Amino acid sequence: MNTIFKEAVSDKRLHVIFAITLVKMGFFGFRYYPLLDDYIQYGIYPFVQSPMKDIYLRIGLYSARPLAGLADIYIWGRFWGQMGVVFFVITALHAFSAWFFIKVFEKANFSLGPFFACVYLLCPVGFEGSYWISASSRIITGLFLVSLSFYYLTQKKPLHFFLLQFAAMLLYEQIAVFAFVLSFVFILRLKARRFLAPLIFNISFLFVYYLIFSRSGSYGFRVLLVPFNPAAAAQVLSIWTAWSLYSKGFLRGAMIIGLYLIPVFLASLLYSLQKQSGSFCPKQLFVGIILFIAPYVPFFILTGTGVSFRASLIPLVGVAIAADTLFKLIRRGRKTVLFAFCLVFLIIGVSELNDYRENYLTDSKIIPYVAHRLVPDKTNAVLGAKKTHIDQNAPIEEHILSVTSSDWALTGAVREYLDDKAIPMILINPENPQNMNLIFLNDF
């Protein structure tokens, strides 16, 4: 760890990476605005009397992403009410992971320049996966652990590599695929054959674990195998062609940003002044393409979950590698191009942050409104509920949804608000609302 610390302190690239990452997420001073699963995973699960027995085992959080469920209960959820701390920590891990990827690619005789970190950290496609803690606690933490494991691979420390990858793979299925593919590339590149054994053990253990528990627990449906899921391909296409995320996002961000344009401009300028090194490498471009495709494979062979923006953060690593490789073909004006991308991405990020805040402010009015109108011993139902009550840049899948988007989300948020885990399910826009206590949301 001393070696890592010394390298981090002395490497100016990490300093500018941190600066631009903090500016990306700092528009509201690192205050976090919960949504959807956050109320349940962090506002309820950690505070039941016996969370291991009554939540982790009874609900079956172990059936998929087993370490993620434990971390929700025993780490992240302990900061409920102060989730800005978690938000800051995860943002820092995101920045560190970018730096580790750059370092390990260098040691593998590749070359990742500043354009890699610009795309990986700032591209709006990855915003949901890096902001929403219900997702980022799995994805960003997993990417950090994997990137750190690669560092130890280059340091010839197989035990560190094994343990870090083992933990990362149990956080998120896409992380496991990503880690396996890139590990294989590095092992071949560095001729580090003794790392094959721990890699094969990890991926084999994960496969057997999911094979055993795939049909158990409340989340087991997410890992049911199918020959091919055609809807997933369409969803991937819709995410990467969501032009409104950029056009509408930039215009709305420019209207919101105000004086925050100053740190955005300065951070973009500082970042663009980095040394541009390396040359075009076809093998690195191929690695980027493979790392874009591979993390989507689980969605093509599994049912029960859609391809969302958060599921595109890990493939974004591959896009960033490929984009950085192609960026090296530009002969003139590299700094100007890098500056422009950073500036545009950061302005769009302000718009995204504002949407999360607006969604939270609306939800914070709806939740007590519904909670105080519940009638005991009757079925409670909400009419006039919408998936989202705000205007946003790209309303795809679960991107910035209100608690009124589903019965489980609204019920969980109300339970957290009233600190009553026994409240029955609150129905959303039932087809036959007779003999129910109806709560109208026409004003929201």
Protein backbone atom coordinates (compact mmCIF):
# COMPACT_ATOMS: atom_id res chain seq x y z
CA MET A 1 0.00 0.00 0.00
CA ASN A 2 2.93 2.36 0.63
CA THR A 3 3.98 1.94 -3.00
CA ILE A 4 0.49 2.80 -4.23
CA PHE A 5 0.32 5.85 -1.97
CA LYS A 6 3.69 7.14 -3.17
CA GLU A 7 2.72 6.65 -6.82
CA ALA A 8 -0.63 8.36 -6.29
CA VAL A 9 0.86 11.39 -4.57
CA SER A 10 3.54 11.87 -7.21
CA ASP A 11 1.37 11.27 -10.30
CA LYS A 12 -0.08 14.58 -11.52
CA ARG A 13 -2.54 12.70 -13.73
CA LEU A 14 -4.39 11.52 -10.65
CA HIS A 15 -4.61 15.09 -9.36
CA VAL A 16 -6.37 16.37 -12.49
CA ILE A 17 -8.54 13.24 -12.68
CA PHE A 18 -9.71 13.92 -9.12
CA ALA A 19 -10.32 17.58 -9.89
CA ILE A 20 -12.52 16.93 -12.88
CA THR A 21 -14.41 14.11 -11.13
CA LEU A 22 -15.18 16.27 -8.09
CA VAL A 23 -16.36 19.11 -10.35
CA LYS A 24 -18.62 16.66 -12.18
CA MET A 25 -20.46 15.67 -9.01
CA GLY A 26 -20.05 18.81 -6.88
CA PHE A 27 -22.75 21.11 -8.25
CA PHE A 28 -24.89 20.68 -5.12
CA GLY A 29 -21.97 20.32 -2.73
CA PHE A 30 -22.10 16.52 -2.70
CA ARG A 31 -25.54 16.40 -1.20
CA TYR A 32 -27.16 13.15 -2.29
CA TYR A 33 -30.82 12.88 -3.36
CA PRO A 34 -32.23 9.35 -2.83
CA LEU A 35 -34.62 7.59 -5.19
CA LEU A 36 -36.34 4.24 -5.65
CA ASP A 37 -34.35 1.38 -4.06
CA ASP A 38 -32.35 3.75 -1.88
CA TYR A 39 -35.20 4.14 0.61
CA ILE A 40 -35.44 0.37 1.02
CA GLN A 41 -31.81 -0.77 0.79
CA TYR A 42 -30.38 1.98 2.97
CA GLY A 43 -33.36 3.40 4.87
CA ILE A 44 -34.92 0.09 5.95
CA TYR A 45 -32.69 -2.99 5.59
CA PRO A 46 -29.89 -1.93 8.00
CA PHE A 47 -32.32 -0.95 10.75
CA VAL A 48 -34.45 -4.05 11.21
CA GLN A 49 -33.83 -5.98 14.41
CA SER A 50 -32.02 -8.93 12.80
CA PRO A 51 -31.00 -7.86 9.29
CA MET A 52 -29.01 -10.99 8.53
CA LYS A 53 -31.89 -13.32 9.37
CA ASP A 54 -34.90 -11.18 8.49
CA ILE A 55 -33.52 -9.45 5.39
CA TYR A 56 -30.44 -11.08 3.90
CA LEU A 57 -31.52 -14.69 4.38
CA ARG A 58 -35.33 -14.45 4.41
CA ILE A 59 -35.64 -12.20 1.37
CA GLY A 60 -32.79 -14.02 -0.33
CA LEU A 61 -30.35 -11.22 -1.06
CA TYR A 62 -27.67 -13.89 -1.25
CA SER A 63 -29.11 -15.33 -4.47
CA ALA A 64 -27.59 -12.63 -6.69
CA ARG A 65 -24.78 -10.16 -5.97
CA PRO A 66 -24.31 -11.58 -2.45
CA LEU A 67 -21.63 -9.13 -1.31
CA ALA A 68 -23.69 -6.17 -2.50
CA GLY A 69 -26.54 -7.10 -0.16
CA LEU A 70 -24.16 -7.42 2.79
CA ALA A 71 -22.56 -4.06 1.99
CA ASP A 72 -25.99 -2.41 1.81
CA ILE A 73 -26.81 -3.58 5.31
CA TYR A 74 -23.50 -3.30 7.12
CA ILE A 75 -21.65 -0.49 5.32
CA TRP A 76 -23.57 1.92 3.10
CA GLY A 77 -26.87 1.82 4.94
CA ARG A 78 -25.19 2.89 8.18
CA PHE A 79 -24.86 6.34 6.63
CA TRP A 80 -28.58 6.78 5.95
CA GLY A 81 -29.39 10.42 6.58
CA GLN A 82 -25.81 11.31 5.61
CA MET A 83 -25.60 9.61 2.22
CA GLY A 84 -23.53 12.49 0.88
CA VAL A 85 -20.58 10.80 2.61
CA VAL A 86 -21.18 7.62 0.62
CA PHE A 87 -21.67 9.69 -2.53
CA PHE A 88 -18.28 11.35 -2.04
CA VAL A 89 -16.49 8.08 -1.26
CA ILE A 90 -17.89 6.34 -4.34
CA THR A 91 -16.98 9.35 -6.49
CA ALA A 92 -13.41 9.12 -5.19
CA LEU A 93 -13.32 5.38 -5.96
CA HIS A 94 -14.46 6.19 -9.50
CA ALA A 95 -11.54 8.59 -9.96
CA PHE A 96 -9.06 6.11 -8.48
CA SER A 97 -10.30 3.35 -10.80
CA ALA A 98 -9.61 5.56 -13.85
CA TRP A 99 -6.07 6.15 -12.65
CA PHE A 100 -5.47 2.46 -11.94
CA PHE A 101 -6.70 1.51 -15.42
CA ILE A 102 -4.27 4.00 -16.96
CA LYS A 103 -1.42 2.65 -14.81
CA VAL A 104 -2.01 -1.02 -15.56
CA PHE A 105 -2.43 -0.45 -19.27
CA GLU A 106 0.96 1.24 -19.25
CA LYS A 107 2.50 -1.75 -17.49
CA ALA A 108 0.92 -4.02 -20.12
CA ASN A 109 2.66 -2.00 -22.87
CA PHE A 110 -0.52 -0.25 -23.93
CA SER A 111 -1.15 3.47 -23.58
CA LEU A 112 -4.26 5.20 -22.23
CA GLY A 113 -4.19 8.99 -22.40
CA PRO A 114 -6.38 11.69 -20.87
CA PHE A 115 -9.20 11.11 -23.36
CA PHE A 116 -9.82 7.71 -21.73
CA ALA A 117 -10.57 9.23 -18.32
CA CYS A 118 -12.63 12.00 -19.93
CA VAL A 119 -14.99 9.47 -21.54
CA TYR A 120 -14.95 6.93 -18.70
CA LEU A 121 -15.59 9.47 -15.93
CA LEU A 122 -17.68 12.16 -17.62
CA CYS A 123 -19.70 10.65 -20.48
CA PRO A 124 -23.42 11.13 -19.64
CA VAL A 125 -24.22 7.50 -20.51
CA GLY A 126 -22.44 6.52 -17.30
CA PHE A 127 -24.05 9.10 -15.08
CA GLU A 128 -26.78 6.90 -13.61
CA GLY A 129 -24.29 4.16 -12.74
CA SER A 130 -21.95 6.61 -11.04
CA TYR A 131 -24.57 8.70 -9.16
CA TRP A 132 -27.42 6.44 -8.02
CA ILE A 133 -25.97 4.71 -4.95
CA SER A 134 -28.20 1.68 -5.31
CA ALA A 135 -26.24 1.09 -8.54
CA SER A 136 -22.90 2.83 -7.98
CA SER A 137 -22.28 0.98 -4.70
CA ARG A 138 -22.06 -2.15 -6.83
CA ILE A 139 -20.69 -0.91 -10.15
CA ILE A 140 -18.15 1.73 -9.12
CA THR A 141 -16.97 -0.27 -6.11
CA GLY A 142 -16.63 -3.32 -8.35
CA LEU A 143 -14.69 -1.41 -11.01
CA PHE A 144 -12.38 0.00 -8.34
CA LEU A 145 -11.66 -3.45 -6.90
CA VAL A 146 -11.04 -4.87 -10.36
CA SER A 147 -8.73 -2.02 -11.38
CA LEU A 148 -6.81 -2.45 -8.12
CA SER A 149 -6.58 -6.21 -8.72
CA PHE A 150 -4.96 -5.51 -12.08
CA TYR A 151 -2.42 -3.31 -10.34
CA TYR A 152 -1.45 -6.27 -8.16
CA LEU A 153 -1.36 -8.48 -11.24
CA THR A 154 1.33 -6.19 -12.68
CA GLN A 155 3.09 -6.36 -9.29
CA LYS A 156 3.10 -10.18 -9.48
CA LYS A 157 0.97 -10.64 -6.34
CA PRO A 158 -1.55 -13.41 -7.14
CA LEU A 159 -3.16 -13.53 -3.67
CA HIS A 160 -4.10 -9.84 -3.78
CA PHE A 161 -5.34 -10.30 -7.34
CA PHE A 162 -7.43 -13.31 -6.34
CA LEU A 163 -9.10 -11.73 -3.30
CA LEU A 164 -9.93 -8.40 -4.96
CA GLN A 165 -11.39 -10.04 -8.06
CA PHE A 166 -13.33 -12.53 -5.96
CA ALA A 167 -14.99 -9.68 -4.05
CA ALA A 168 -15.65 -7.65 -7.20
CA MET A 169 -17.27 -10.56 -9.03
CA LEU A 170 -19.74 -11.08 -6.19
CA LEU A 171 -20.89 -7.46 -6.41
CA TYR A 172 -22.27 -7.41 -9.96
CA GLU A 173 -22.61 -9.90 -12.81
CA GLN A 174 -21.26 -7.53 -15.45
CA ILE A 175 -18.19 -6.89 -13.32
CA ALA A 176 -17.45 -10.63 -13.36
CA VAL A 177 -17.58 -10.78 -17.16
CA PHE A 178 -15.54 -7.60 -17.54
CA ALA A 179 -12.92 -8.76 -15.02
CA PHE A 180 -12.57 -12.17 -16.64
CA VAL A 181 -12.08 -10.81 -20.16
CA LEU A 182 -9.60 -8.06 -19.25
CA SER A 183 -7.72 -10.34 -16.85
CA PHE A 184 -7.26 -12.84 -19.64
CA VAL A 185 -5.89 -10.07 -21.88
CA PHE A 186 -3.41 -8.89 -19.24
CA ILE A 187 -2.31 -12.41 -18.33
CA LEU A 188 -1.50 -13.15 -21.97
CA ARG A 189 0.08 -9.75 -22.50
CA LEU A 190 2.32 -10.02 -19.43
CA LYS A 191 2.87 -13.78 -19.74
CA ALA A 192 1.67 -14.14 -16.14
CA ARG A 193 0.36 -17.69 -16.40
CA ARG A 194 0.29 -18.33 -12.67
CA PHE A 195 -2.63 -15.86 -12.45
CA LEU A 196 -4.79 -18.15 -14.60
CA ALA A 197 -5.54 -20.50 -11.70
CA PRO A 198 -7.09 -17.87 -9.37
CA LEU A 199 -8.95 -16.33 -12.32
CA ILE A 200 -10.46 -19.65 -13.37
CA PHE A 201 -11.34 -20.48 -9.76
CA ASN A 202 -13.17 -17.16 -9.32
CA ILE A 203 -15.24 -17.39 -12.47
CA SER A 204 -15.98 -21.10 -11.86
CA PHE A 205 -17.08 -20.41 -8.30
CA LEU A 206 -19.37 -17.63 -9.49
CA PHE A 207 -20.89 -19.85 -12.19
CA VAL A 208 -21.58 -22.69 -9.76
CA TYR A 209 -22.91 -20.28 -7.12
CA TYR A 210 -25.42 -18.74 -9.52
CA LEU A 211 -26.33 -22.16 -10.88
CA ILE A 212 -27.27 -23.26 -7.38
CA PHE A 213 -29.06 -20.12 -6.19
CA SER A 214 -30.44 -18.72 -9.46
CA ARG A 215 -34.01 -19.75 -8.62
CA SER A 216 -33.99 -18.79 -4.96
CA GLY A 217 -34.65 -15.47 -3.26
CA SER A 218 -36.56 -12.45 -4.45
CA TYR A 219 -33.89 -11.58 -7.03
CA GLY A 220 -33.27 -15.05 -8.35
CA PHE A 221 -35.36 -14.33 -11.46
CA ARG A 222 -32.58 -12.04 -12.69
CA VAL A 223 -30.28 -14.96 -13.41
CA LEU A 224 -32.59 -17.35 -15.29
CA LEU A 225 -30.90 -18.43 -18.52
CA VAL A 226 -32.47 -18.13 -21.98
CA PRO A 227 -30.98 -18.84 -25.43
CA PHE A 228 -31.17 -15.18 -26.44
CA ASN A 229 -32.97 -12.09 -25.19
CA PRO A 230 -33.75 -9.97 -28.30
CA ALA A 231 -35.21 -7.11 -26.27
CA ALA A 232 -31.79 -6.51 -24.71
CA ALA A 233 -30.21 -5.72 -28.09
CA ALA A 234 -32.90 -3.13 -28.79
CA GLN A 235 -32.39 -1.56 -25.37
CA VAL A 236 -28.62 -1.32 -25.90
CA LEU A 237 -29.23 0.44 -29.21
CA SER A 238 -31.70 2.89 -27.65
CA ILE A 239 -29.24 3.86 -24.92
CA TRP A 240 -26.31 4.54 -27.24
CA THR A 241 -28.49 6.48 -29.68
CA ALA A 242 -30.23 8.59 -27.03
CA TRP A 243 -29.24 11.88 -28.68
CA SER A 244 -31.51 13.91 -26.42
CA LEU A 245 -29.22 13.02 -23.53
CA TYR A 246 -26.61 15.22 -25.18
CA SER A 247 -28.59 17.88 -27.06
CA LYS A 248 -31.31 18.50 -24.50
CA GLY A 249 -28.93 17.80 -21.63
CA PHE A 250 -26.44 20.41 -22.79
CA LEU A 251 -29.07 23.11 -23.38
CA ARG A 252 -30.74 22.52 -20.03
CA GLY A 253 -27.40 22.30 -18.24
CA ALA A 254 -26.26 25.60 -19.77
CA MET A 255 -29.42 27.27 -18.46
CA ILE A 256 -28.95 25.87 -14.96
CA ILE A 257 -25.19 26.11 -14.45
CA GLY A 258 -24.85 29.83 -13.58
CA LEU A 259 -21.56 30.71 -11.87
CA TYR A 260 -20.65 27.03 -11.63
CA LEU A 261 -19.52 27.46 -15.23
CA ILE A 262 -16.32 28.95 -13.82
CA PRO A 263 -15.05 25.78 -12.06
CA VAL A 264 -16.36 23.70 -14.98
CA PHE A 265 -14.42 25.83 -17.45
CA LEU A 266 -11.25 25.86 -15.34
CA ALA A 267 -11.37 22.10 -14.67
CA SER A 268 -11.84 21.40 -18.38
CA LEU A 269 -8.97 23.73 -19.28
CA LEU A 270 -6.66 22.22 -16.65
CA TYR A 271 -7.50 18.72 -17.78
CA SER A 272 -6.90 19.53 -21.46
CA LEU A 273 -3.37 20.75 -20.72
CA GLN A 274 -2.16 17.25 -19.85
CA LYS A 275 0.58 15.68 -21.90
CA GLN A 276 -0.78 13.80 -24.91
CA SER A 277 1.28 10.65 -25.32
CA GLY A 278 1.15 7.32 -27.11
CA SER A 279 0.30 6.28 -30.64
CA PHE A 280 -2.52 4.41 -32.33
CA CYS A 281 -2.56 0.71 -31.38
CA PRO A 282 -4.93 -1.67 -33.26
CA LYS A 283 -4.69 -4.28 -30.49
CA GLN A 284 -5.81 -1.75 -27.88
CA LEU A 285 -8.72 -0.74 -30.12
CA PHE A 286 -9.72 -4.41 -30.34
CA VAL A 287 -9.55 -4.75 -26.55
CA GLY A 288 -11.85 -1.74 -26.21
CA ILE A 289 -14.40 -3.21 -28.62
CA ILE A 290 -14.40 -6.56 -26.80
CA LEU A 291 -14.80 -4.84 -23.43
CA PHE A 292 -17.78 -2.93 -24.80
CA ILE A 293 -19.54 -6.09 -26.00
CA ALA A 294 -18.65 -8.56 -23.24
CA PRO A 295 -20.41 -6.84 -20.27
CA TYR A 296 -23.68 -6.86 -22.21
CA VAL A 297 -23.55 -10.64 -22.71
CA PRO A 298 -25.40 -11.40 -19.41
CA PHE A 299 -28.36 -9.37 -20.66
CA PHE A 300 -28.45 -11.35 -23.91
CA ILE A 301 -28.67 -14.70 -22.09
CA LEU A 302 -30.55 -13.78 -18.88
CA THR A 303 -34.16 -12.79 -18.21
CA GLY A 304 -35.70 -10.56 -15.59
CA THR A 305 -33.81 -7.32 -16.07
CA GLY A 306 -33.62 -4.63 -18.72
CA VAL A 307 -30.59 -2.87 -20.10
CA SER A 308 -30.49 0.53 -18.42
CA PHE A 309 -28.07 3.44 -18.34
CA ARG A 310 -26.43 2.02 -15.21
CA ALA A 311 -25.83 -1.27 -17.05
CA SER A 312 -23.92 0.70 -19.68
CA LEU A 313 -21.30 2.12 -17.33
CA ILE A 314 -19.12 -1.00 -17.46
CA PRO A 315 -19.28 -1.23 -21.29
CA LEU A 316 -18.37 2.46 -21.22
CA VAL A 317 -14.89 1.41 -20.10
CA GLY A 318 -14.50 -0.37 -23.43
CA VAL A 319 -15.84 2.66 -25.29
CA ALA A 320 -13.37 4.89 -23.43
CA ILE A 321 -10.45 2.60 -24.34
CA ALA A 322 -11.48 2.52 -28.00
CA ALA A 323 -12.15 6.27 -28.08
CA ASP A 324 -8.76 7.05 -26.53
CA THR A 325 -7.07 4.82 -29.10
CA LEU A 326 -8.82 6.57 -31.99
CA PHE A 327 -8.15 9.95 -30.38
CA LYS A 328 -4.44 9.35 -30.96
CA LEU A 329 -5.08 9.52 -34.73
CA ILE A 330 -5.83 13.24 -34.38
CA ARG A 331 -2.69 15.11 -35.40
CA ARG A 332 -3.64 18.67 -34.53
CA GLY A 333 -5.90 20.30 -31.98
CA ARG A 334 -6.00 17.42 -29.50
CA LYS A 335 -6.08 19.74 -26.50
CA THR A 336 -8.96 21.73 -28.00
CA VAL A 337 -10.97 18.57 -28.68
CA LEU A 338 -10.30 17.26 -25.17
CA PHE A 339 -11.30 20.59 -23.64
CA ALA A 340 -14.54 20.66 -25.66
CA PHE A 341 -15.54 17.13 -24.66
CA CYS A 342 -14.85 17.79 -20.97
CA LEU A 343 -16.78 21.05 -21.03
CA VAL A 344 -19.82 19.60 -22.82
CA PHE A 345 -19.92 16.46 -20.66
CA LEU A 346 -19.65 18.47 -17.44
CA ILE A 347 -22.46 20.83 -18.46
CA ILE A 348 -24.70 17.86 -19.28
CA GLY A 349 -23.77 16.42 -15.88
CA VAL A 350 -25.13 19.55 -14.19
CA SER A 351 -28.44 18.93 -15.92
CA GLU A 352 -28.48 15.29 -14.77
CA LEU A 353 -27.68 16.26 -11.18
CA ASN A 354 -30.48 18.81 -11.23
CA ASP A 355 -32.94 16.18 -12.47
CA TYR A 356 -32.06 13.88 -9.57
CA ARG A 357 -32.63 16.76 -7.19
CA GLU A 358 -35.97 17.73 -8.76
CA ASN A 359 -37.12 14.12 -8.65
CA TYR A 360 -36.22 13.92 -4.96
CA LEU A 361 -37.99 17.18 -4.11
CA THR A 362 -41.18 15.92 -5.77
CA ASP A 363 -40.91 12.53 -4.07
CA SER A 364 -40.33 14.22 -0.71
CA LYS A 365 -43.75 15.85 -1.08
CA ILE A 366 -45.54 12.74 -2.36
CA ILE A 367 -44.27 10.36 0.32
CA PRO A 368 -45.68 12.22 3.37
CA TYR A 369 -48.82 13.11 1.38
CA VAL A 370 -49.52 9.41 0.83
CA ALA A 371 -48.31 8.33 4.27
CA HIS A 372 -50.73 10.61 6.13
CA ARG A 373 -53.71 9.44 4.06
CA LEU A 374 -53.34 5.71 4.63
CA VAL A 375 -56.29 3.95 6.24
CA PRO A 376 -55.50 0.95 8.44
CA ASP A 377 -57.31 -2.32 7.73
CA LYS A 378 -58.09 -1.27 4.16
CA THR A 379 -56.31 -1.72 0.85
CA ASN A 380 -54.69 1.60 0.03
CA ALA A 381 -54.28 2.64 -3.58
CA VAL A 382 -52.86 5.66 -5.36
CA LEU A 383 -54.48 7.10 -8.48
CA GLY A 384 -52.84 9.52 -10.88
CA ALA A 385 -49.37 8.13 -10.19
CA LYS A 386 -46.73 8.62 -12.88
CA LYS A 387 -43.40 6.97 -13.58
CA THR A 388 -41.77 10.37 -13.44
CA HIS A 389 -43.11 13.80 -12.49
CA ILE A 390 -40.22 15.80 -13.94
CA ASP A 391 -38.91 16.74 -17.35
CA GLN A 392 -35.62 14.98 -18.04
CA ASN A 393 -33.09 14.47 -20.80
CA ALA A 394 -33.55 10.81 -21.71
CA PRO A 395 -36.43 8.91 -20.01
CA ILE A 396 -35.17 5.39 -20.77
CA GLU A 397 -35.85 2.35 -18.56
CA GLU A 398 -35.38 3.30 -14.87
CA HIS A 399 -33.55 6.55 -15.43
CA ILE A 400 -34.59 8.96 -12.64
CA LEU A 401 -37.98 7.46 -11.83
CA SER A 402 -40.31 8.64 -9.08
CA VAL A 403 -41.32 6.44 -6.16
CA THR A 404 -44.78 6.44 -7.75
CA SER A 405 -43.41 4.39 -10.66
CA SER A 406 -44.13 1.11 -8.83
CA ASP A 407 -45.99 -0.24 -5.83
CA TRP A 408 -42.82 -1.61 -4.21
CA ALA A 409 -40.96 1.71 -4.54
CA LEU A 410 -43.79 3.80 -3.07
CA THR A 411 -44.50 1.30 -0.30
CA GLY A 412 -40.82 1.10 0.62
CA ALA A 413 -40.47 4.88 0.76
CA VAL A 414 -43.60 5.24 2.90
CA ARG A 415 -42.43 2.48 5.23
CA GLU A 416 -39.11 4.27 5.67
CA TYR A 417 -40.84 7.61 6.26
CA LEU A 418 -43.21 6.20 8.93
CA ASP A 419 -40.59 3.78 10.28
CA ASP A 420 -43.16 1.02 9.99
CA LYS A 421 -42.02 -2.06 8.07
CA ALA A 422 -45.45 -3.73 8.41
CA ILE A 423 -47.39 -1.36 6.12
CA PRO A 424 -49.17 -3.47 3.45
CA MET A 425 -48.40 -2.93 -0.21
CA ILE A 426 -49.80 0.33 -1.59
CA LEU A 427 -51.30 -0.26 -5.03
CA ILE A 428 -50.54 1.99 -8.00
CA ASN A 429 -53.39 2.92 -10.38
CA PRO A 430 -55.40 -0.31 -9.84
CA GLU A 431 -57.79 -1.34 -12.63
CA ASN A 432 -60.61 -2.11 -10.18
CA PRO A 433 -60.35 0.34 -7.25
CA GLN A 434 -63.62 -0.60 -5.56
CA ASN A 435 -63.63 -0.92 -1.78
CA MET A 436 -60.20 0.65 -1.54
CA ASN A 437 -58.95 3.76 0.19
CA LEU A 438 -58.07 5.96 -2.79
CA ILE A 439 -55.35 8.60 -2.64
CA PHE A 440 -55.30 11.00 -5.59
CA LEU A 441 -52.06 12.51 -6.88
CA ASN A 442 -53.51 14.82 -9.49
CA ASP A 443 -51.62 17.83 -8.10
CA PHE A 444 -48.16 16.30 -8.50
